[in-house]
C-alpha atoms as a PDB file:
ATOM      1  CA  UNK A   1     132.225  37.072  16.108  1.00  0.00           C
ATOM      2  CA  UNK A   2     130.185  38.801  13.417  1.00  0.00           C
ATOM      3  CA  UNK A   3     126.426  39.014  13.853  1.00  0.00           C
ATOM      4  CA  UNK A   4     125.615  36.834  10.819  1.00  0.00           C
ATOM      5  CA  UNK A   5     128.079  34.115  11.862  1.00  0.00           C
ATOM      6  CA  UNK A   6     126.799  34.172  15.441  1.00  0.00           C
ATOM      7  CA  UNK A   7     123.221  33.921  14.146  1.00  0.00           C
ATOM      8  CA  UNK A   8     124.078  30.944  11.941  1.00  0.00           C
ATOM      9  CA  UNK A   9     125.974  29.024  14.631  1.00  0.00           C
ATOM     10  CA  UNK A  10     123.604  29.781  17.476  1.00  0.00           C
ATOM     11  CA  UNK A  11     120.549  29.109  15.300  1.00  0.00           C
ATOM     12  CA  UNK A  12     121.868  25.683  14.305  1.00  0.00           C
ATOM     13  CA  UNK A  13     122.877  24.709  17.861  1.00  0.00           C
ATOM     14  CA  UNK A  14     119.643  25.907  19.451  1.00  0.00           C
ATOM     15  CA  UNK A  15     117.670  24.356  16.587  1.00  0.00           C
ATOM     16  CA  UNK A  16     119.284  21.026  17.439  1.00  0.00           C
ATOM     17  CA  UNK A  17     118.212  21.351  21.068  1.00  0.00           C
ATOM     18  CA  UNK A  18     114.761  22.494  19.923  1.00  0.00           C
ATOM     19  CA  UNK A  19     114.443  19.223  18.013  1.00  0.00           C
ATOM     20  CA  UNK A  20     115.595  17.256  21.032  1.00  0.00           C
ATOM     21  CA  UNK A  21     112.546  18.520  22.947  1.00  0.00           C
ATOM     22  CA  UNK A  22     110.502  16.085  20.828  1.00  0.00           C
ATOM     23  CA  UNK A  23     111.747  13.391  23.218  1.00  0.00           C
ATOM     24  CA  UNK A  24     109.123  14.659  25.669  1.00  0.00           C
ATOM     25  CA  UNK A  25     106.359  13.658  23.219  1.00  0.00           C
ATOM     26  CA  UNK A  26     106.421   9.831  23.334  1.00  0.00           C
ATOM     27  CA  UNK A  27     104.297   9.417  20.188  1.00  0.00           C
ATOM     28  CA  UNK A  28     107.023  10.918  17.973  1.00  0.00           C
ATOM     29  CA  UNK A  29     110.158   9.380  19.494  1.00  0.00           C
ATOM     30  CA  UNK A  30     110.535   7.050  16.503  1.00  0.00           C
ATOM     31  CA  UNK A  31     110.940  10.127  14.286  1.00  0.00           C
ATOM     32  CA  UNK A  32     113.630  11.829  16.387  1.00  0.00           C
ATOM     33  CA  UNK A  33     116.283  11.854  13.655  1.00  0.00           C
ATOM     34  CA  UNK A  34     113.982  13.614  11.189  1.00  0.00           C
ATOM     35  CA  UNK A  35     112.694  16.017  13.828  1.00  0.00           C
ATOM     36  CA  UNK A  36     116.173  16.970  15.044  1.00  0.00           C
ATOM     37  CA  UNK A  37     117.434  17.430  11.465  1.00  0.00           C
ATOM     38  CA  UNK A  38     114.408  19.574  10.562  1.00  0.00           C
ATOM     39  CA  UNK A  39     114.723  21.691  13.691  1.00  0.00           C
ATOM     40  CA  UNK A  40     118.434  22.206  13.120  1.00  0.00           C
ATOM     41  CA  UNK A  41     117.682  23.302   9.553  1.00  0.00           C
ATOM     42  CA  UNK A  42     114.945  25.684  10.766  1.00  0.00           C
ATOM     43  CA  UNK A  43     117.341  27.162  13.315  1.00  0.00           C
ATOM     44  CA  UNK A  44     120.033  27.544  10.682  1.00  0.00           C
ATOM     45  CA  UNK A  45     117.707  29.327   8.247  1.00  0.00           C
ATOM     46  CA  UNK A  46     116.303  31.572  10.968  1.00  0.00           C
ATOM     47  CA  UNK A  47     119.838  32.275  12.231  1.00  0.00           C
ATOM     48  CA  UNK A  48     121.002  33.340   8.767  1.00  0.00           C
ATOM     49  CA  UNK A  49     118.125  35.793   8.359  1.00  0.00           C
ATOM     50  CA  UNK A  50     118.317  37.083  11.938  1.00  0.00           C
ATOM     51  CA  UNK A  51     122.098  37.517  11.746  1.00  0.00           C
ATOM     52  CA  UNK A  52     121.997  39.520   8.541  1.00  0.00           C
ATOM     53  CA  UNK A  53     119.125  41.676   9.788  1.00  0.00           C
ATOM     54  CA  UNK A  54     121.054  42.257  13.033  1.00  0.00           C
ATOM     55  CA  UNK A  55     123.976  43.500  10.930  1.00  0.00           C
ATOM     56  CA  UNK A  56     121.746  46.306   9.611  1.00  0.00           C
ATOM     57  CA  UNK A  57     119.660  47.053  12.717  1.00  0.00           C
ATOM     58  CA  UNK A  58     121.292  48.014  16.001  1.00  0.00           C
ATOM     59  CA  UNK A  59     118.414  47.737  18.481  1.00  0.00           C
ATOM     60  CA  UNK A  60     118.073  45.029  21.121  1.00  0.00           C
ATOM     61  CA  UNK A  61     114.242  45.110  21.349  1.00  0.00           C
ATOM     62  CA  UNK A  62     113.921  45.173  17.563  1.00  0.00           C
ATOM     63  CA  UNK A  63     116.444  42.325  17.274  1.00  0.00           C
ATOM     64  CA  UNK A  64     114.408  40.174  19.647  1.00  0.00           C
ATOM     65  CA  UNK A  65     111.166  41.028  17.830  1.00  0.00           C
ATOM     66  CA  UNK A  66     112.668  40.279  14.413  1.00  0.00           C
ATOM     67  CA  UNK A  67     114.094  37.014  15.758  1.00  0.00           C
ATOM     68  CA  UNK A  68     110.682  36.047  17.078  1.00  0.00           C
ATOM     69  CA  UNK A  69     108.899  36.921  13.820  1.00  0.00           C
ATOM     70  CA  UNK A  70     111.444  35.138  11.609  1.00  0.00           C
ATOM     71  CA  UNK A  71     111.335  32.018  13.791  1.00  0.00           C
ATOM     72  CA  UNK A  72     107.539  31.963  13.764  1.00  0.00           C
ATOM     73  CA  UNK A  73     107.486  32.264   9.966  1.00  0.00           C
ATOM     74  CA  UNK A  74     110.088  29.517   9.533  1.00  0.00           C
ATOM     75  CA  UNK A  75     108.452  27.231  12.105  1.00  0.00           C
ATOM     76  CA  UNK A  76     104.806  27.688  11.094  1.00  0.00           C
ATOM     77  CA  UNK A  77     104.789  25.299   8.085  1.00  0.00           C
ATOM     78  CA  UNK A  78     106.222  22.511  10.256  1.00  0.00           C
ATOM     79  CA  UNK A  79     103.754  23.224  13.067  1.00  0.00           C
ATOM     80  CA  UNK A  80     100.796  22.975  10.697  1.00  0.00           C
ATOM     81  CA  UNK A  81     101.836  19.549   9.394  1.00  0.00           C
ATOM     82  CA  UNK A  82      99.928  16.502  10.521  1.00  0.00           C
ATOM     83  CA  UNK A  83     101.931  13.542  11.808  1.00  0.00           C
ATOM     84  CA  UNK A  84     101.204  10.728   9.325  1.00  0.00           C
ATOM     85  CA  UNK A  85     101.755   8.035  11.961  1.00  0.00           C
ATOM     86  CA  UNK A  86      99.379   9.410  14.593  1.00  0.00           C
ATOM     87  CA  UNK A  87      97.205  11.863  12.653  1.00  0.00           C
ATOM     88  CA  UNK A  88      97.882  14.504  15.306  1.00  0.00           C
ATOM     89  CA  UNK A  89      99.207  18.011  14.921  1.00  0.00           C
ATOM     90  CA  UNK A  90     101.702  19.225  17.488  1.00  0.00           C
ATOM     91  CA  UNK A  91     101.244  22.949  16.885  1.00  0.00           C
ATOM     92  CA  UNK A  92     102.235  24.378  20.265  1.00  0.00           C
ATOM     93  CA  UNK A  93     104.860  21.705  20.896  1.00  0.00           C
ATOM     94  CA  UNK A  94     106.612  22.952  17.747  1.00  0.00           C
ATOM     95  CA  UNK A  95     105.799  26.681  17.810  1.00  0.00           C
ATOM     96  CA  UNK A  96     106.794  27.506  21.384  1.00  0.00           C
ATOM     97  CA  UNK A  97     110.365  26.148  21.328  1.00  0.00           C
ATOM     98  CA  UNK A  98     110.837  27.423  17.758  1.00  0.00           C
ATOM     99  CA  UNK A  99     109.748  30.940  18.703  1.00  0.00           C
ATOM    100  CA  UNK A 100     111.947  30.835  21.795  1.00  0.00           C
ATOM    101  CA  UNK A 101     114.957  29.907  19.643  1.00  0.00           C
ATOM    102  CA  UNK A 102     114.262  32.917  17.420  1.00  0.00           C
ATOM    103  CA  UNK A 103     113.971  35.299  20.360  1.00  0.00           C
ATOM    104  CA  UNK A 104     117.217  33.996  21.885  1.00  0.00           C
ATOM    105  CA  UNK A 105     119.098  34.241  18.585  1.00  0.00           C
ATOM    106  CA  UNK A 106     117.704  37.748  18.047  1.00  0.00           C
ATOM    107  CA  UNK A 107     118.871  38.770  21.516  1.00  0.00           C
ATOM    108  CA  UNK A 108     122.296  37.170  21.234  1.00  0.00           C
ATOM    109  CA  UNK A 109     123.110  38.581  17.797  1.00  0.00           C
ATOM    110  CA  UNK A 110     122.321  42.093  18.995  1.00  0.00           C
ATOM    111  CA  UNK A 111     123.973  41.754  22.397  1.00  0.00           C
ATOM    112  CA  UNK A 112     127.083  39.713  21.601  1.00  0.00           C
ATOM    113  CA  UNK A 113     127.599  39.936  17.840  1.00  0.00           C
ATOM    114  CA  UNK A 114     130.174  42.340  16.455  1.00  0.00           C
ATOM    115  CA  UNK A 115     128.848  44.751  13.873  1.00  0.00           C
ATOM    116  CA  UNK A 116     131.017  45.299  10.813  1.00  0.00           C
ATOM    117  CA  UNK A 117     132.348  48.806  10.536  1.00  0.00           C
ATOM    118  CA  UNK A 118     131.616  50.743   7.350  1.00  0.00           C
ATOM    119  CA  UNK A 119     134.644  50.900   5.086  1.00  0.00           C
END
């Protein structure tokens, strides 16, 4: 599977599971559908960027670092939002799984993705 396609698919799937971790925060369980949809979208966007960068860069450590940076940048606006229902921010509860998704996608695209050969 090509690196961009692997990044897109894995980002979306892991983003879904990232959103499902909200179940462990009882105050936000009523918003699970929105949280899961947002996390899937974040994973998809991060996966697109990570996959296309992985197509150009062929370095496992750099792939993981880029995945981590992209995921942090994509996740940060969501982590800074205040929950209107509770007035709380869930910065680390959002940032840690989001960053982990980016690092995993960065690793997987470099390790398992197939790089296109120059024509």
